Amino acid sequence: MLNLQVLSIIGAFCILIPYVALQSGWLRQSDIPYLLLNIAGSTALITVAIIDDRHGFILLEGIWGSISLWGLVKVIRGRWKSNK
């Protein structure tokens, strides 16, 4: 159980740190570190939610991670197209 608590705290910080950075103007929504930290955080938290059988959090983190992954793909595609 302690490992799940540690994983959930790490996941929460992976989401909260880029959120604070976004609100402070240190990162933009299209910055790769912002998106990667959101994906990492939602992956950690959805893992805990699945193990703990928390359907609401599975839904929340699944959507959160999917949106972040979609944003990352858009950023990478945009950079790839601009380098052609």
PDB file of N, CA and C in Angstrom:
ATOM      1  N   MET A   1       0.826  -1.200   0.000  1.00  0.00           N
ATOM      2  CA  MET A   1       0.000   0.000   0.000  1.00  0.00           C
ATOM      3  C   MET A   1       0.868   1.262   0.000  1.00  0.00           C
ATOM      4  N   LEU A   2       1.997   1.204   0.682  1.00  0.00           N
ATOM      5  CA  LEU A   2       2.887   2.364   0.732  1.00  0.00           C
ATOM      6  C   LEU A   2       3.386   2.721  -0.663  1.00  0.00           C
ATOM      7  N   ASN A   3       3.672   1.701  -1.484  1.00  0.00           N
ATOM      8  CA  ASN A   3       4.142   1.960  -2.844  1.00  0.00           C
ATOM      9  C   ASN A   3       3.095   2.700  -3.664  1.00  0.00           C
ATOM     10  N   LEU A   4       1.813   2.368  -3.464  1.00  0.00           N
ATOM     11  CA  LEU A   4       0.746   3.075  -4.173  1.00  0.00           C
ATOM     12  C   LEU A   4       0.663   4.527  -3.727  1.00  0.00           C
ATOM     13  N   GLN A   5       0.874   4.766  -2.442  1.00  0.00           N
ATOM     14  CA  GLN A   5       0.852   6.140  -1.940  1.00  0.00           C
ATOM     15  C   GLN A   5       1.991   6.952  -2.552  1.00  0.00           C
ATOM     16  N   VAL A   6       3.167   6.358  -2.603  1.00  0.00           N
ATOM     17  CA  VAL A   6       4.324   7.042  -3.194  1.00  0.00           C
ATOM     18  C   VAL A   6       4.063   7.325  -4.674  1.00  0.00           C
ATOM     19  N   LEU A   7       3.542   6.331  -5.387  1.00  0.00           N
ATOM     20  CA  LEU A   7       3.241   6.509  -6.808  1.00  0.00           C
ATOM     21  C   LEU A   7       2.200   7.602  -7.020  1.00  0.00           C
ATOM     22  N   SER A   8       1.184   7.648  -6.165  1.00  0.00           N
ATOM     23  CA  SER A   8       0.151   8.677  -6.325  1.00  0.00           C
ATOM     24  C   SER A   8       0.691  10.071  -6.019  1.00  0.00           C
ATOM     25  N   ILE A   9       1.590  10.185  -5.063  1.00  0.00           N
ATOM     26  CA  ILE A   9       2.195  11.491  -4.751  1.00  0.00           C
ATOM     27  C   ILE A   9       3.090  11.945  -5.903  1.00  0.00           C
ATOM     28  N   ILE A  10       3.877  11.027  -6.447  1.00  0.00           N
ATOM     29  CA  ILE A  10       4.722  11.363  -7.600  1.00  0.00           C
ATOM     30  C   ILE A  10       3.848  11.792  -8.778  1.00  0.00           C
ATOM     31  N   GLY A  11       2.784  11.042  -9.027  1.00  0.00           N
ATOM     32  CA  GLY A  11       1.868  11.388 -10.113  1.00  0.00           C
ATOM     33  C   GLY A  11       1.238  12.755  -9.925  1.00  0.00           C
ATOM     34  N   ALA A  12       0.832  13.045  -8.696  1.00  0.00           N
ATOM     35  CA  ALA A  12       0.224  14.351  -8.413  1.00  0.00           C
ATOM     36  C   ALA A  12       1.218  15.479  -8.666  1.00  0.00           C
ATOM     37  N   PHE A  13       2.452  15.309  -8.222  1.00  0.00           N
ATOM     38  CA  PHE A  13       3.459  16.343  -8.458  1.00  0.00           C
ATOM     39  C   PHE A  13       3.768  16.500  -9.947  1.00  0.00           C
ATOM     40  N   CYS A  14       3.731  15.389 -10.691  1.00  0.00           N
ATOM     41  CA  CYS A  14       3.969  15.466 -12.139  1.00  0.00           C
ATOM     42  C   CYS A  14       2.885  16.273 -12.849  1.00  0.00           C
ATOM     43  N   ILE A  15       1.711  16.348 -12.272  1.00  0.00           N
ATOM     44  CA  ILE A  15       0.643  17.163 -12.852  1.00  0.00           C
ATOM     45  C   ILE A  15       0.661  18.576 -12.280  1.00  0.00           C
ATOM     46  N   LEU A  16       0.927  18.701 -10.991  1.00  0.00           N
ATOM     47  CA  LEU A  16       0.878  20.018 -10.345  1.00  0.00           C
ATOM     48  C   LEU A  16       2.044  20.924 -10.740  1.00  0.00           C
ATOM     49  N   ILE A  17       3.227  20.368 -10.890  1.00  0.00           N
ATOM     50  CA  ILE A  17       4.396  21.193 -11.233  1.00  0.00           C
ATOM     51  C   ILE A  17       4.218  21.889 -12.586  1.00  0.00           C
ATOM     52  N   PRO A  18       3.832  21.173 -13.652  1.00  0.00           N
ATOM     53  CA  PRO A  18       3.626  21.899 -14.912  1.00  0.00           C
ATOM     54  C   PRO A  18       2.442  22.859 -14.862  1.00  0.00           C
ATOM     55  N   TYR A  19       1.445  22.550 -14.041  1.00  0.00           N
ATOM     56  CA  TYR A  19       0.307  23.465 -13.907  1.00  0.00           C
ATOM     57  C   TYR A  19       0.760  24.785 -13.285  1.00  0.00           C
ATOM     58  N   VAL A  20       1.564  24.708 -12.240  1.00  0.00           N
ATOM     59  CA  VAL A  20       2.108  25.925 -11.620  1.00  0.00           C
ATOM     60  C   VAL A  20       2.993  26.665 -12.620  1.00  0.00           C
ATOM     61  N   ALA A  21       3.812  25.916 -13.359  1.00  0.00           N
ATOM     62  CA  ALA A  21       4.691  26.538 -14.356  1.00  0.00           C
ATOM     63  C   ALA A  21       3.880  27.222 -15.458  1.00  0.00           C
ATOM     64  N   LEU A  22       2.774  26.618 -15.851  1.00  0.00           N
ATOM     65  CA  LEU A  22       1.900  27.222 -16.857  1.00  0.00           C
ATOM     66  C   LEU A  22       1.284  28.510 -16.325  1.00  0.00           C
ATOM     67  N   GLN A  23       0.751  28.466 -15.121  1.00  0.00           N
ATOM     68  CA  GLN A  23       0.102  29.637 -14.532  1.00  0.00           C
ATOM     69  C   GLN A  23       1.094  30.764 -14.266  1.00  0.00           C
ATOM     70  N   SER A  24       2.348  30.400 -14.035  1.00  0.00           N
ATOM     71  CA  SER A  24       3.386  31.400 -13.763  1.00  0.00           C
ATOM     72  C   SER A  24       4.029  31.941 -15.035  1.00  0.00           C
ATOM     73  N   GLY A  25       3.705  31.346 -16.169  1.00  0.00           N
ATOM     74  CA  GLY A  25       4.272  31.796 -17.432  1.00  0.00           C
ATOM     75  C   GLY A  25       5.616  31.177 -17.758  1.00  0.00           C
ATOM     76  N   TRP A  26       6.043  30.175 -16.996  1.00  0.00           N
ATOM     77  CA  TRP A  26       7.328  29.529 -17.244  1.00  0.00           C
ATOM     78  C   TRP A  26       7.237  28.499 -18.360  1.00  0.00           C
ATOM     79  N   LEU A  27       6.059  27.930 -18.547  1.00  0.00           N
ATOM     80  CA  LEU A  27       5.822  26.963 -19.615  1.00  0.00           C
ATOM     81  C   LEU A  27       4.565  27.352 -20.372  1.00  0.00           C
ATOM     82  N   ARG A  28       4.483  26.870 -21.612  1.00  0.00           N
ATOM     83  CA  ARG A  28       3.259  27.026 -22.409  1.00  0.00           C
ATOM     84  C   ARG A  28       2.617  25.650 -22.561  1.00  0.00           C
ATOM     85  N   GLN A  29       1.337  25.657 -22.929  1.00  0.00           N
ATOM     86  CA  GLN A  29       0.623  24.388 -23.114  1.00  0.00           C
ATOM     87  C   GLN A  29       1.224  23.544 -24.223  1.00  0.00           C
ATOM     88  N   SER A  30       1.915  24.161 -25.137  1.00  0.00           N
ATOM     89  CA  SER A  30       2.499  23.431 -26.261  1.00  0.00           C
ATOM     90  C   SER A  30       3.951  23.026 -26.015  1.00  0.00           C
ATOM     91  N   ASP A  31       4.479  23.295 -24.836  1.00  0.00           N
ATOM     92  CA  ASP A  31       5.852  22.890 -24.517  1.00  0.00           C
ATOM     93  C   ASP A  31       5.895  21.392 -24.220  1.00  0.00           C
ATOM     94  N   ILE A  32       6.875  20.720 -24.795  1.00  0.00           N
ATOM     95  CA  ILE A  32       6.987  19.271 -24.621  1.00  0.00           C
ATOM     96  C   ILE A  32       7.148  18.875 -23.151  1.00  0.00           C
ATOM     97  N   PRO A  33       7.960  19.565 -22.334  1.00  0.00           N
ATOM     98  CA  PRO A  33       8.034  19.177 -20.920  1.00  0.00           C
ATOM     99  C   PRO A  33       6.682  19.253 -20.203  1.00  0.00           C
ATOM    100  N   TYR A  34       5.881  20.259 -20.536  1.00  0.00           N
ATOM    101  CA  TYR A  34       4.545  20.389 -19.942  1.00  0.00           C
ATOM    102  C   TYR A  34       3.702  19.161 -20.278  1.00  0.00           C
ATOM    103  N   LEU A  35       3.703  18.778 -21.532  1.00  0.00           N
ATOM    104  CA  LEU A  35       2.894  17.649 -21.982  1.00  0.00           C
ATOM    105  C   LEU A  35       3.413  16.323 -21.436  1.00  0.00           C
ATOM    106  N   LEU A  36       4.727  16.133 -21.441  1.00  0.00           N
ATOM    107  CA  LEU A  36       5.296  14.884 -20.938  1.00  0.00           C
ATOM    108  C   LEU A  36       5.038  14.696 -19.448  1.00  0.00           C
ATOM    109  N   LEU A  37       5.157  15.765 -18.672  1.00  0.00           N
ATOM    110  CA  LEU A  37       4.878  15.654 -17.240  1.00  0.00           C
ATOM    111  C   LEU A  37       3.412  15.334 -16.988  1.00  0.00           C
ATOM    112  N   ASN A  38       2.521  15.915 -17.776  1.00  0.00           N
ATOM    113  CA  ASN A  38       1.100  15.592 -17.639  1.00  0.00           C
ATOM    114  C   ASN A  38       0.830  14.130 -17.990  1.00  0.00           C
ATOM    115  N   ILE A  39       1.468  13.633 -19.028  1.00  0.00           N
ATOM    116  CA  ILE A  39       1.300  12.228 -19.411  1.00  0.00           C
ATOM    117  C   ILE A  39       1.853  11.317 -18.320  1.00  0.00           C
ATOM    118  N   ALA A  40       3.032  11.645 -17.802  1.00  0.00           N
ATOM    119  CA  ALA A  40       3.628  10.832 -16.736  1.00  0.00           C
ATOM    120  C   ALA A  40       2.747  10.831 -15.489  1.00  0.00           C
ATOM    121  N   GLY A  41       2.256  11.998 -15.118  1.00  0.00           N
ATOM    122  CA  GLY A  41       1.409  12.092 -13.931  1.00  0.00           C
ATOM    123  C   GLY A  41       0.111  11.336 -14.085  1.00  0.00           C
ATOM    124  N   SER A  42      -0.531  11.486 -15.223  1.00  0.00           N
ATOM    125  CA  SER A  42      -1.801  10.781 -15.424  1.00  0.00           C
ATOM    126  C   SER A  42      -1.583   9.275 -15.531  1.00  0.00           C
ATOM    127  N   THR A  43      -0.453   8.855 -16.087  1.00  0.00           N
ATOM    128  CA  THR A  43      -0.139   7.425 -16.151  1.00  0.00           C
ATOM    129  C   THR A  43       0.045   6.849 -14.750  1.00  0.00           C
ATOM    130  N   ALA A  44       0.774   7.564 -13.908  1.00  0.00           N
ATOM    131  CA  ALA A  44       0.970   7.106 -12.531  1.00  0.00           C
ATOM    132  C   ALA A  44      -0.356   7.054 -11.781  1.00  0.00           C
ATOM    133  N   LEU A  45      -1.161   8.102 -11.918  1.00  0.00           N
ATOM    134  CA  LEU A  45      -2.420   8.157 -11.180  1.00  0.00           C
ATOM    135  C   LEU A  45      -3.455   7.168 -11.713  1.00  0.00           C
ATOM    136  N   ILE A  46      -3.466   6.922 -13.005  1.00  0.00           N
ATOM    137  CA  ILE A  46      -4.419   5.934 -13.526  1.00  0.00           C
ATOM    138  C   ILE A  46      -4.010   4.524 -13.102  1.00  0.00           C
ATOM    139  N   THR A  47      -2.715   4.294 -12.973  1.00  0.00           N
ATOM    140  CA  THR A  47      -2.244   3.000 -12.477  1.00  0.00           C
ATOM    141  C   THR A  47      -2.762   2.754 -11.067  1.00  0.00           C
ATOM    142  N   VAL A  48      -2.623   3.749 -10.212  1.00  0.00           N
ATOM    143  CA  VAL A  48      -3.134   3.643  -8.840  1.00  0.00           C
ATOM    144  C   VAL A  48      -4.648   3.460  -8.848  1.00  0.00           C
ATOM    145  N   ALA A  49      -5.337   4.211  -9.690  1.00  0.00           N
ATOM    146  CA  ALA A  49      -6.799   4.130  -9.751  1.00  0.00           C
ATOM    147  C   ALA A  49      -7.269   2.752 -10.219  1.00  0.00           C
ATOM    148  N   ILE A  50      -6.566   2.161 -11.161  1.00  0.00           N
ATOM    149  CA  ILE A  50      -6.934   0.824 -11.641  1.00  0.00           C
ATOM    150  C   ILE A  50      -6.730  -0.208 -10.537  1.00  0.00           C
ATOM    151  N   ILE A  51      -5.580  -0.146  -9.880  1.00  0.00           N
ATOM    152  CA  ILE A  51      -5.294  -1.092  -8.795  1.00  0.00           C
ATOM    153  C   ILE A  51      -6.303  -0.934  -7.665  1.00  0.00           C
ATOM    154  N   ASP A  52      -6.668   0.306  -7.379  1.00  0.00           N
ATOM    155  CA  ASP A  52      -7.590   0.618  -6.281  1.00  0.00           C
ATOM    156  C   ASP A  52      -9.061   0.555  -6.704  1.00  0.00           C
ATOM    157  N   ASP A  53      -9.327   0.276  -7.990  1.00  0.00           N
ATOM    158  CA  ASP A  53     -10.681   0.154  -8.538  1.00  0.00           C
ATOM    159  C   ASP A  53     -11.504   1.422  -8.316  1.00  0.00           C
ATOM    160  N   ARG A  54     -10.937   2.558  -8.721  1.00  0.00           N
ATOM    161  CA  ARG A  54     -11.598   3.866  -8.589  1.00  0.00           C
ATOM    162  C   ARG A  54     -12.021   4.343  -9.972  1.00  0.00           C
ATOM    163  N   HIS A  55     -13.247   4.031 -10.346  1.00  0.00           N
ATOM    164  CA  HIS A  55     -13.712   4.284 -11.710  1.00  0.00           C
ATOM    165  C   HIS A  55     -13.711   5.760 -12.098  1.00  0.00           C
ATOM    166  N   GLY A  56     -14.091   6.627 -11.193  1.00  0.00           N
ATOM    167  CA  GLY A  56     -14.096   8.057 -11.498  1.00  0.00           C
ATOM    168  C   GLY A  56     -12.704   8.573 -11.818  1.00  0.00           C
ATOM    169  N   PHE A  57     -11.718   8.131 -11.056  1.00  0.00           N
ATOM    170  CA  PHE A  57     -10.352   8.569 -11.299  1.00  0.00           C
ATOM    171  C   PHE A  57      -9.766   7.914 -12.547  1.00  0.00           C
ATOM    172  N   ILE A  58     -10.198   6.689 -12.843  1.00  0.00           N
ATOM    173  CA  ILE A  58      -9.770   6.053 -14.093  1.00  0.00           C
ATOM    174  C   ILE A  58     -10.254   6.888 -15.273  1.00  0.00           C
ATOM    175  N   LEU A  59     -11.509   7.312 -15.221  1.00  0.00           N
ATOM    176  CA  LEU A  59     -12.068   8.158 -16.274  1.00  0.00           C
ATOM    177  C   LEU A  59     -11.319   9.487 -16.368  1.00  0.00           C
ATOM    178  N   LEU A  60     -11.152  10.155 -15.236  1.00  0.00           N
ATOM    179  CA  LEU A  60     -10.480  11.459 -15.205  1.00  0.00           C
ATOM    180  C   LEU A  60      -9.061  11.369 -15.749  1.00  0.00           C
ATOM    181  N   GLU A  61      -8.279  10.455 -15.224  1.00  0.00           N
ATOM    182  CA  GLU A  61      -6.874  10.363 -15.627  1.00  0.00           C
ATOM    183  C   GLU A  61      -6.720   9.806 -17.036  1.00  0.00           C
ATOM    184  N   GLY A  62      -7.642   8.935 -17.445  1.00  0.00           N
ATOM    185  CA  GLY A  62      -7.606   8.434 -18.821  1.00  0.00           C
ATOM    186  C   GLY A  62      -7.823   9.548 -19.826  1.00  0.00           C
ATOM    187  N   ILE A  63      -8.797  10.399 -19.542  1.00  0.00           N
ATOM    188  CA  ILE A  63      -9.060  11.536 -20.428  1.00  0.00           C
ATOM    189  C   ILE A  63      -7.928  12.546 -20.352  1.00  0.00           C
ATOM    190  N   TRP A  64      -7.445  12.827 -19.142  1.00  0.00           N
ATOM    191  CA  TRP A  64      -6.343  13.780 -18.946  1.00  0.00           C
ATOM    192  C   TRP A  64      -5.115  13.337 -19.751  1.00  0.00           C
ATOM    193  N   GLY A  65      -4.750  12.081 -19.612  1.00  0.00           N
ATOM    194  CA  GLY A  65      -3.588  11.566 -20.331  1.00  0.00           C
ATOM    195  C   GLY A  65      -3.791  11.548 -21.835  1.00  0.00           C
ATOM    196  N   SER A  66      -5.001  11.201 -22.273  1.00  0.00           N
ATOM    197  CA  SER A  66      -5.297  11.167 -23.708  1.00  0.00           C
ATOM    198  C   SER A  66      -5.196  12.553 -24.335  1.00  0.00           C
ATOM    199  N   ILE A  67      -5.720  13.549 -23.646  1.00  0.00           N
ATOM    200  CA  ILE A  67      -5.640  14.925 -24.153  1.00  0.00           C
ATOM    201  C   ILE A  67      -4.187  15.384 -24.216  1.00  0.00           C
ATOM    202  N   SER A  68      -3.413  15.054 -23.186  1.00  0.00           N
ATOM    203  CA  SER A  68      -1.995  15.434 -23.178  1.00  0.00           C
ATOM    204  C   SER A  68      -1.234  14.729 -24.291  1.00  0.00           C
ATOM    205  N   LEU A  69      -1.533  13.453 -24.504  1.00  0.00           N
ATOM    206  CA  LEU A  69      -0.880  12.704 -25.581  1.00  0.00           C
ATOM    207  C   LEU A  69      -1.257  13.273 -26.943  1.00  0.00           C
ATOM    208  N   TRP A  70      -2.513  13.618 -27.125  1.00  0.00           N
ATOM    209  CA  TRP A  70      -2.979  14.244 -28.364  1.00  0.00           C
ATOM    210  C   TRP A  70      -2.232  15.563 -28.598  1.00  0.00           C
ATOM    211  N   GLY A  71      -2.070  16.364 -27.542  1.00  0.00           N
ATOM    212  CA  GLY A  71      -1.327  17.620 -27.653  1.00  0.00           C
ATOM    213  C   GLY A  71       0.123  17.385 -28.030  1.00  0.00           C
ATOM    214  N   LEU A  72       0.733  16.362 -27.443  1.00  0.00           N
ATOM    215  CA  LEU A  72       2.126  16.040 -27.749  1.00  0.00           C
ATOM    216  C   LEU A  72       2.278  15.629 -29.213  1.00  0.00           C
ATOM    217  N   VAL A  73       1.367  14.808 -29.698  1.00  0.00           N
ATOM    218  CA  VAL A  73       1.408  14.387 -31.108  1.00  0.00           C
ATOM    219  C   VAL A  73       1.274  15.601 -32.023  1.00  0.00           C
ATOM    220  N   LYS A  74       0.360  16.510 -31.701  1.00  0.00           N
ATOM    221  CA  LYS A  74       0.185  17.718 -32.515  1.00  0.00           C
ATOM    222  C   LYS A  74       1.456  18.560 -32.530  1.00  0.00           C
ATOM    223  N   VAL A  75       2.094  18.714 -31.380  1.00  0.00           N
ATOM    224  CA  VAL A  75       3.323  19.514 -31.302  1.00  0.00           C
ATOM    225  C   VAL A  75       4.429  18.851 -32.113  1.00  0.00           C
ATOM    226  N   ILE A  76       4.600  17.552 -31.949  1.00  0.00           N
ATOM    227  CA  ILE A  76       5.661  16.842 -32.672  1.00  0.00           C
ATOM    228  C   ILE A  76       5.409  16.882 -34.177  1.00  0.00           C
ATOM    229  N   ARG A  77       4.175  16.663 -34.597  1.00  0.00           N
ATOM    230  CA  ARG A  77       3.850  16.739 -36.032  1.00  0.00           C
ATOM    231  C   ARG A  77       4.100  18.135 -36.582  1.00  0.00           C
ATOM    232  N   GLY A  78       3.739  19.136 -35.815  1.00  0.00           N
ATOM    233  CA  GLY A  78       3.955  20.514 -36.246  1.00  0.00           C
ATOM    234  C   GLY A  78       5.424  20.841 -36.398  1.00  0.00           C
ATOM    235  N   ARG A  79       6.238  20.365 -35.475  1.00  0.00           N
ATOM    236  CA  ARG A  79       7.681  20.609 -35.560  1.00  0.00           C
ATOM    237  C   ARG A  79       8.295  19.817 -36.701  1.00  0.00           C
ATOM    238  N   TRP A  80       7.800  18.589 -36.915  1.00  0.00           N
ATOM    239  CA  TRP A  80       8.315  17.763 -37.996  1.00  0.00           C
ATOM    240  C   TRP A  80       7.988  18.397 -39.339  1.00  0.00           C
ATOM    241  N   LYS A  81       6.772  18.913 -39.495  1.00  0.00           N
ATOM    242  CA  LYS A  81       6.376  19.557 -40.748  1.00  0.00           C
ATOM    243  C   LYS A  81       7.184  20.819 -41.004  1.00  0.00           C
ATOM    244  N   SER A  82       7.479  21.574 -39.951  1.00  0.00           N
ATOM    245  CA  SER A  82       8.219  22.823 -40.134  1.00  0.00           C
ATOM    246  C   SER A  82       9.691  22.571 -40.452  1.00  0.00           C
ATOM    247  N   ASN A  83      10.197  21.373 -40.145  1.00  0.00           N
ATOM    248  CA  ASN A  83      11.591  21.033 -40.446  1.00  0.00           C
ATOM    249  C   ASN A  83      11.759  20.430 -41.835  1.00  0.00           C
ATOM    250  N   LYS A  84      10.674  20.173 -42.530  1.00  0.00           N
ATOM    251  CA  LYS A  84      10.757  19.574 -43.876  1.00  0.00           C
ATOM    252  C   LYS A  84      11.207  20.577 -44.896  1.00  0.00           C
TER     253      LYS A  84
END
